[in-house]
């Protein structure tokens, strides 16, 4: 099992939570996704991470 870091921060500029996946910074533009709520941002992060893991 692999462990990856997900960073979720509120962005006043964007008006939402933005997600950075530092372990994939060399493969994708950061931030990688966002969400209107923390929970939505986390779900979106997990979806993106699943795709990234499948393609690497």
C-alpha atoms as a PDB file:
ATOM      1  CA  UNK A   1       0.000   0.000   0.000  1.00  0.00           C
ATOM      2  CA  UNK A   2       1.311   3.432  -0.943  1.00  0.00           C
ATOM      3  CA  UNK A   3       0.727   6.587   1.067  1.00  0.00           C
ATOM      4  CA  UNK A   4       0.335   9.981  -0.584  1.00  0.00           C
ATOM      5  CA  UNK A   5      -0.048  13.495   0.771  1.00  0.00           C
ATOM      6  CA  UNK A   6      -3.143  15.585   0.074  1.00  0.00           C
ATOM      7  CA  UNK A   7      -3.020  19.281   0.999  1.00  0.00           C
ATOM      8  CA  UNK A   8      -6.349  21.114   1.156  1.00  0.00           C
ATOM      9  CA  UNK A   9      -6.400  24.844   1.825  1.00  0.00           C
ATOM     10  CA  UNK A  10      -9.051  27.532   1.689  1.00  0.00           C
ATOM     11  CA  UNK A  11      -8.376  30.113  -1.033  1.00  0.00           C
ATOM     12  CA  UNK A  12      -9.960  33.531  -0.516  1.00  0.00           C
ATOM     13  CA  UNK A  13      -8.918  34.423  -4.055  1.00  0.00           C
ATOM     14  CA  UNK A  14     -10.772  31.445  -5.555  1.00  0.00           C
ATOM     15  CA  UNK A  15     -13.561  31.259  -2.973  1.00  0.00           C
ATOM     16  CA  UNK A  16     -13.127  27.508  -2.502  1.00  0.00           C
ATOM     17  CA  UNK A  17     -10.877  24.831  -1.078  1.00  0.00           C
ATOM     18  CA  UNK A  18      -7.957  24.044  -3.408  1.00  0.00           C
ATOM     19  CA  UNK A  19      -6.121  20.729  -3.482  1.00  0.00           C
ATOM     20  CA  UNK A  20      -2.419  20.102  -4.018  1.00  0.00           C
ATOM     21  CA  UNK A  21      -0.943  16.628  -4.437  1.00  0.00           C
ATOM     22  CA  UNK A  22       2.759  17.252  -3.761  1.00  0.00           C
ATOM     23  CA  UNK A  23       3.773  13.678  -4.574  1.00  0.00           C
ATOM     24  CA  UNK A  24       2.598  14.244  -8.164  1.00  0.00           C
ATOM     25  CA  UNK A  25       3.931  17.803  -8.603  1.00  0.00           C
ATOM     26  CA  UNK A  26       6.338  16.686 -11.306  1.00  0.00           C
ATOM     27  CA  UNK A  27       3.466  15.202 -13.381  1.00  0.00           C
ATOM     28  CA  UNK A  28       0.508  17.561 -13.006  1.00  0.00           C
ATOM     29  CA  UNK A  29      -0.122  21.279 -12.602  1.00  0.00           C
ATOM     30  CA  UNK A  30      -0.865  22.324  -9.014  1.00  0.00           C
ATOM     31  CA  UNK A  31      -3.421  22.770  -7.563  1.00  0.00           C
ATOM     32  CA  UNK A  32      -5.042  19.739  -9.166  1.00  0.00           C
ATOM     33  CA  UNK A  33      -8.653  20.183  -8.107  1.00  0.00           C
ATOM     34  CA  UNK A  34     -10.937  22.095  -5.741  1.00  0.00           C
ATOM     35  CA  UNK A  35     -14.269  21.961  -3.913  1.00  0.00           C
ATOM     36  CA  UNK A  36     -16.852  24.309  -2.466  1.00  0.00           C
ATOM     37  CA  UNK A  37     -16.643  22.372   0.817  1.00  0.00           C
ATOM     38  CA  UNK A  38     -13.726  20.579   2.475  1.00  0.00           C
ATOM     39  CA  UNK A  39     -15.498  17.258   1.992  1.00  0.00           C
ATOM     40  CA  UNK A  40     -16.058  17.929  -1.716  1.00  0.00           C
ATOM     41  CA  UNK A  41     -12.402  18.922  -2.140  1.00  0.00           C
ATOM     42  CA  UNK A  42     -11.300  15.709  -0.408  1.00  0.00           C
ATOM     43  CA  UNK A  43     -13.550  13.559  -2.608  1.00  0.00           C
ATOM     44  CA  UNK A  44     -12.272  15.304  -5.733  1.00  0.00           C
ATOM     45  CA  UNK A  45      -8.684  14.811  -4.531  1.00  0.00           C
ATOM     46  CA  UNK A  46      -9.262  11.100  -4.019  1.00  0.00           C
ATOM     47  CA  UNK A  47     -10.777  10.801  -7.509  1.00  0.00           C
ATOM     48  CA  UNK A  48      -7.834  12.600  -9.128  1.00  0.00           C
ATOM     49  CA  UNK A  49      -5.324  10.603  -7.118  1.00  0.00           C
ATOM     50  CA  UNK A  50      -6.943   7.326  -8.192  1.00  0.00           C
ATOM     51  CA  UNK A  51      -6.583   8.360 -11.839  1.00  0.00           C
ATOM     52  CA  UNK A  52      -2.975   9.395 -11.343  1.00  0.00           C
ATOM     53  CA  UNK A  53      -2.054   6.152  -9.582  1.00  0.00           C
ATOM     54  CA  UNK A  54      -3.728   4.092 -12.334  1.00  0.00           C
ATOM     55  CA  UNK A  55      -1.779   5.868 -15.077  1.00  0.00           C
ATOM     56  CA  UNK A  56       1.672   5.716 -13.468  1.00  0.00           C
END
